[in-house]
């Protein structure tokens, strides 16, 4: 499929994104976050600032039951251990049983064999609503070599065909983060042109994006709209925070502020899609 066969104007609109944000804040979805030890507190704060409710339940004894009552589930493979990996499998099983949308963030997939196998095996248990990663991580799920740790060696444009392949084969939405974010369900394609380079200077910004996607997916039947809305909120808030910051430290604080302050109308007005 070529880009010309997709109508990006009708895939997702800024007004739909604004409505999705309003819905998230009205419903305060409970987001179960099985994430890495580096970003757990940051992820919880991002969810709170956006209007969702975080729950960091990642142990194998409780993860299944909690996934059945959560609005959305994030599984992030940034620092996998045997116990937390068992918790991930339990959460995906619970999400499948309850129809809870879950999001996979396959950190460093392709570059490290065990975590790549874990990510693929979780998709085998039950397809995620959304897979979010950088270009090398997305390619890594399909046998690519991965990037340099969490840093991508590829651009979203370079792996777009592979992203579509993954979306089609797994029945999921694939969100490829980069200077321009590319999101596809295998048929439709949305590009989000917002954001700021300083986002790459704060640990956990990308990981928190996966949690936001789970939050938006809790109240949205269209996973492409959910993934786009989360990306839009984070990147527009980042632009606003970057304008008022002096560097990564003040940017991180400002990002939390802007995630809570941006209105649905402001989000729709600032969003640049193609």
Protein backbone atom coordinates (compact mmCIF):
# COMPACT_ATOMS: atom_id res chain seq x y z
CA UNK A 1 0.00 0.00 0.00
CA UNK A 2 1.25 3.49 -0.83
CA UNK A 3 0.58 6.67 1.06
CA UNK A 4 -1.58 7.86 -1.84
CA UNK A 5 -4.14 5.14 -1.06
CA UNK A 6 -4.76 6.59 2.40
CA UNK A 7 -6.90 9.63 3.12
CA UNK A 8 -5.22 11.17 6.19
CA UNK A 9 -7.82 13.93 6.39
CA UNK A 10 -10.60 11.50 7.29
CA UNK A 11 -8.46 9.07 9.34
CA UNK A 12 -8.46 11.26 12.46
CA UNK A 13 -9.41 14.92 12.83
CA UNK A 14 -8.22 17.50 15.40
CA UNK A 15 -11.80 17.90 16.61
CA UNK A 16 -12.01 14.17 17.33
CA UNK A 17 -8.79 14.43 19.30
CA UNK A 18 -10.16 17.31 21.35
CA UNK A 19 -13.30 15.32 22.07
CA UNK A 20 -11.19 12.34 23.14
CA UNK A 21 -9.33 14.50 25.66
CA UNK A 22 -12.59 15.84 27.06
CA UNK A 23 -13.86 12.28 27.40
CA UNK A 24 -10.70 11.14 29.19
CA UNK A 25 -10.99 13.93 31.74
CA UNK A 26 -14.69 13.28 32.26
CA UNK A 27 -14.19 9.57 32.90
CA UNK A 28 -10.76 9.46 34.66
CA UNK A 29 -9.88 5.98 33.37
CA UNK A 30 -7.95 3.61 35.63
CA UNK A 31 -4.70 2.69 33.87
CA UNK A 32 -2.76 -0.34 35.05
CA UNK A 33 0.89 0.36 34.28
CA UNK A 34 3.33 -2.51 34.20
CA UNK A 35 6.32 -0.40 33.37
CA UNK A 36 10.04 -0.16 34.01
CA UNK A 37 11.68 0.90 37.26
CA UNK A 38 13.25 3.98 35.68
CA UNK A 39 9.98 5.69 34.80
CA UNK A 40 7.29 4.41 37.18
CA UNK A 41 6.81 7.63 39.17
CA UNK A 42 7.08 9.82 36.07
CA UNK A 43 4.50 7.71 34.26
CA UNK A 44 2.10 7.96 37.19
CA UNK A 45 2.52 11.74 37.30
CA UNK A 46 1.92 12.08 33.55
CA UNK A 47 -1.30 10.08 33.83
CA UNK A 48 -2.48 12.17 36.76
CA UNK A 49 -1.66 15.43 34.98
CA UNK A 50 -3.54 14.34 31.87
CA UNK A 51 -6.63 13.35 33.84
CA UNK A 52 -6.31 9.58 34.23
CA UNK A 53 -5.75 7.45 37.34
CA UNK A 54 -2.55 5.36 37.53
CA UNK A 55 -2.18 1.99 39.22
CA UNK A 56 1.26 0.39 39.21
CA UNK A 57 0.13 -3.20 39.77
CA UNK A 58 2.75 -5.44 38.17
CA UNK A 59 3.12 -8.54 40.35
CA UNK A 60 1.93 -11.94 39.07
CA UNK A 61 -0.42 -12.46 42.04
CA UNK A 62 -2.60 -9.42 41.31
CA UNK A 63 -1.97 -8.40 37.71
CA UNK A 64 -4.63 -10.65 36.15
CA UNK A 65 -7.40 -9.57 38.50
CA UNK A 66 -6.51 -5.90 38.21
CA UNK A 67 -6.46 -5.97 34.42
CA UNK A 68 -10.06 -7.16 34.52
CA UNK A 69 -11.21 -4.00 36.32
CA UNK A 70 -8.83 -1.46 34.77
CA UNK A 71 -9.87 0.78 31.90
CA UNK A 72 -6.62 0.18 30.06
CA UNK A 73 -3.33 -1.66 30.58
CA UNK A 74 0.22 -0.68 29.66
CA UNK A 75 2.95 -3.31 29.33
CA UNK A 76 6.43 -1.79 29.02
CA UNK A 77 9.47 -4.08 28.71
CA UNK A 78 12.10 -1.54 29.72
CA UNK A 79 13.48 -3.43 32.75
CA UNK A 80 12.02 -6.96 32.61
CA UNK A 81 12.53 -9.42 35.46
CA UNK A 82 11.18 -12.94 35.86
CA UNK A 83 8.48 -11.85 38.32
CA UNK A 84 7.40 -8.77 36.41
CA UNK A 85 7.39 -10.69 33.14
CA UNK A 86 5.05 -13.23 34.75
CA UNK A 87 2.94 -10.27 35.86
CA UNK A 88 2.85 -9.02 32.28
CA UNK A 89 1.54 -12.35 31.03
CA UNK A 90 -1.05 -12.39 33.79
CA UNK A 91 -2.18 -8.87 32.95
CA UNK A 92 -2.54 -9.67 29.26
CA UNK A 93 -4.55 -12.79 30.14
CA UNK A 94 -6.82 -10.72 32.38
CA UNK A 95 -7.17 -8.04 29.71
CA UNK A 96 -8.19 -10.67 27.17
CA UNK A 97 -10.80 -12.14 29.50
CA UNK A 98 -12.34 -8.76 30.32
CA UNK A 99 -11.96 -7.08 26.94
CA UNK A 100 -9.63 -4.46 28.43
CA UNK A 101 -7.49 -2.70 25.81
CA UNK A 102 -3.78 -3.09 26.41
CA UNK A 103 -0.76 -1.30 24.98
CA UNK A 104 2.64 -2.85 24.33
CA UNK A 105 5.78 -0.71 24.56
CA UNK A 106 8.58 -3.10 23.46
CA UNK A 107 11.56 -1.17 24.80
CA UNK A 108 14.82 -2.19 23.06
CA UNK A 109 13.09 -4.91 21.04
CA UNK A 110 15.41 -6.35 18.42
CA UNK A 111 18.52 -5.34 20.31
CA UNK A 112 18.13 -7.80 23.20
CA UNK A 113 16.86 -11.30 22.47
CA UNK A 114 15.05 -12.21 25.70
CA UNK A 115 12.94 -9.10 25.99
CA UNK A 116 12.12 -9.36 22.28
CA UNK A 117 10.87 -12.91 22.85
CA UNK A 118 8.84 -11.69 25.83
CA UNK A 119 7.18 -8.95 23.76
CA UNK A 120 6.36 -11.29 20.88
CA UNK A 121 5.02 -13.97 23.24
CA UNK A 122 2.70 -11.42 24.87
CA UNK A 123 1.26 -10.56 21.46
CA UNK A 124 0.76 -14.29 20.91
CA UNK A 125 -1.32 -14.50 24.10
CA UNK A 126 -3.62 -11.69 22.98
CA UNK A 127 -3.06 -8.92 20.40
CA UNK A 128 -2.59 -5.47 21.92
CA UNK A 129 -4.85 -2.61 20.92
CA UNK A 130 -1.74 -0.51 20.28
CA UNK A 131 1.97 -1.16 19.89
CA UNK A 132 4.07 1.94 20.59
CA UNK A 133 7.78 2.24 20.05
CA UNK A 134 10.54 3.92 18.13
CA UNK A 135 11.31 2.81 14.60
CA UNK A 136 14.01 0.29 15.53
CA UNK A 137 11.82 -1.29 18.22
CA UNK A 138 8.95 -1.75 15.78
CA UNK A 139 11.29 -3.33 13.24
CA UNK A 140 12.75 -5.47 16.02
CA UNK A 141 9.40 -7.14 16.65
CA UNK A 142 9.56 -8.41 13.07
CA UNK A 143 13.15 -9.64 13.21
CA UNK A 144 15.04 -6.37 12.85
CA UNK A 145 18.29 -5.70 14.68
CA UNK A 146 16.94 -2.98 16.95
CA UNK A 147 18.66 0.27 17.80
CA UNK A 148 21.31 1.40 20.27
CA UNK A 149 19.64 0.59 23.58
CA UNK A 150 16.51 2.71 23.68
CA UNK A 151 17.74 4.95 20.85
CA UNK A 152 16.45 4.28 17.37
CA UNK A 153 18.77 3.67 14.45
CA UNK A 154 15.92 4.15 11.99
CA UNK A 155 13.30 6.78 11.20
CA UNK A 156 9.54 6.23 11.22
CA UNK A 157 9.48 6.69 7.44
CA UNK A 158 12.03 3.92 6.97
CA UNK A 159 9.93 1.35 8.83
CA UNK A 160 6.47 2.42 7.70
CA UNK A 161 5.95 -0.69 5.58
CA UNK A 162 7.01 -2.87 8.51
CA UNK A 163 4.68 -0.97 10.81
CA UNK A 164 1.82 -1.65 8.43
CA UNK A 165 2.84 -5.30 8.26
CA UNK A 166 2.82 -5.59 12.05
CA UNK A 167 -0.51 -3.78 12.30
CA UNK A 168 -2.13 -6.06 9.73
CA UNK A 169 -0.68 -9.32 11.00
CA UNK A 170 -1.54 -8.62 14.64
CA UNK A 171 -4.79 -6.70 14.16
CA UNK A 172 -3.40 -3.74 16.07
CA UNK A 173 -2.48 -0.08 15.72
CA UNK A 174 1.23 0.64 15.47
CA UNK A 175 2.49 4.02 16.67
CA UNK A 176 6.04 4.81 15.60
CA UNK A 177 7.56 7.69 17.55
CA UNK A 178 10.04 10.09 16.00
CA UNK A 179 10.48 13.66 14.86
CA UNK A 180 7.18 13.09 13.05
CA UNK A 181 5.10 10.37 14.67
CA UNK A 182 3.57 7.83 12.28
CA UNK A 183 0.50 5.86 13.37
CA UNK A 184 -1.23 3.18 11.32
CA UNK A 185 -3.76 0.38 11.61
CA UNK A 186 -2.48 -1.14 8.38
CA UNK A 187 -4.99 0.75 6.24
CA UNK A 188 -5.18 4.28 7.64
CA UNK A 189 -2.16 6.46 8.35
CA UNK A 190 -1.86 9.51 10.60
CA UNK A 191 1.24 11.65 10.97
CA UNK A 192 1.57 13.94 13.99
CA UNK A 193 3.95 16.84 13.36
CA UNK A 194 3.98 18.37 16.85
CA UNK A 195 6.65 18.01 19.52
CA UNK A 196 10.04 19.41 20.50
CA UNK A 197 13.57 17.91 20.52
CA UNK A 198 13.92 18.48 24.27
CA UNK A 199 11.47 15.59 24.76
CA UNK A 200 14.41 13.25 24.13
CA UNK A 201 16.35 14.79 27.02
CA UNK A 202 13.95 13.66 29.75
CA UNK A 203 13.87 9.99 30.72
CA UNK A 204 10.49 8.35 30.35
CA UNK A 205 8.66 10.70 28.02
CA UNK A 206 8.17 7.97 25.43
CA UNK A 207 7.34 5.37 28.05
CA UNK A 208 4.70 7.64 29.52
CA UNK A 209 3.20 8.01 26.06
CA UNK A 210 2.32 4.32 26.10
CA UNK A 211 0.46 4.81 29.36
CA UNK A 212 -1.44 7.77 27.91
CA UNK A 213 -2.43 5.59 24.97
CA UNK A 214 -3.86 3.01 27.36
CA UNK A 215 -5.81 5.77 29.07
CA UNK A 216 -7.30 7.08 25.84
CA UNK A 217 -8.03 3.54 24.63
CA UNK A 218 -10.14 2.97 27.75
CA UNK A 219 -12.79 5.35 26.43
CA UNK A 220 -12.35 5.06 22.69
CA UNK A 221 -13.50 2.28 20.36
CA UNK A 222 -11.06 3.41 17.65
CA UNK A 223 -7.52 2.50 18.70
CA UNK A 224 -6.04 4.72 16.00
CA UNK A 225 -7.88 7.72 17.44
CA UNK A 226 -6.76 6.75 20.95
CA UNK A 227 -3.10 6.48 19.93
CA UNK A 228 -3.27 9.73 17.97
CA UNK A 229 -4.97 11.57 20.83
CA UNK A 230 -2.32 10.48 23.33
CA UNK A 231 0.47 11.47 20.95
CA UNK A 232 -1.21 14.79 20.28
CA UNK A 233 -1.65 15.62 23.96
CA UNK A 234 1.95 14.81 24.83
CA UNK A 235 3.52 16.60 21.86
CA UNK A 236 1.38 19.73 22.04
CA UNK A 237 1.97 19.97 25.78
CA UNK A 238 5.69 19.53 25.10
CA UNK A 239 5.70 22.43 22.65
CA UNK A 240 4.04 24.67 25.20
CA UNK A 241 6.40 23.58 27.97
CA UNK A 242 9.49 24.00 25.80
CA UNK A 243 8.63 27.63 25.06
CA UNK A 244 8.70 28.46 28.77
CA UNK A 245 11.61 26.25 29.90
CA UNK A 246 15.33 26.91 30.29
CA UNK A 247 16.38 23.27 29.82
CA UNK A 248 15.38 19.64 30.45
CA UNK A 249 14.72 20.10 34.18
CA UNK A 250 12.28 22.97 33.93
CA UNK A 251 10.84 21.36 30.79
CA UNK A 252 9.93 18.20 32.72
CA UNK A 253 8.07 20.21 35.35
CA UNK A 254 6.47 22.39 32.69
CA UNK A 255 5.34 19.34 30.72
CA UNK A 256 3.35 18.06 33.68
CA UNK A 257 1.80 21.50 34.06
CA UNK A 258 0.88 21.77 30.39
CA UNK A 259 -0.59 18.26 30.29
CA UNK A 260 -3.07 19.42 32.90
CA UNK A 261 -3.63 22.91 31.51
CA UNK A 262 -4.18 22.38 27.79
CA UNK A 263 -7.88 22.40 26.96
CA UNK A 264 -9.57 20.20 24.37
CA UNK A 265 -10.12 23.23 22.12
CA UNK A 266 -6.48 24.34 22.49
CA UNK A 267 -5.30 20.83 21.70
CA UNK A 268 -7.40 20.64 18.56
CA UNK A 269 -6.27 24.11 17.48
CA UNK A 270 -2.55 23.42 17.91
CA UNK A 271 -2.51 19.92 16.44
CA UNK A 272 -0.82 19.45 13.06
CA UNK A 273 -1.83 16.24 11.29
CA UNK A 274 -1.23 14.90 7.82
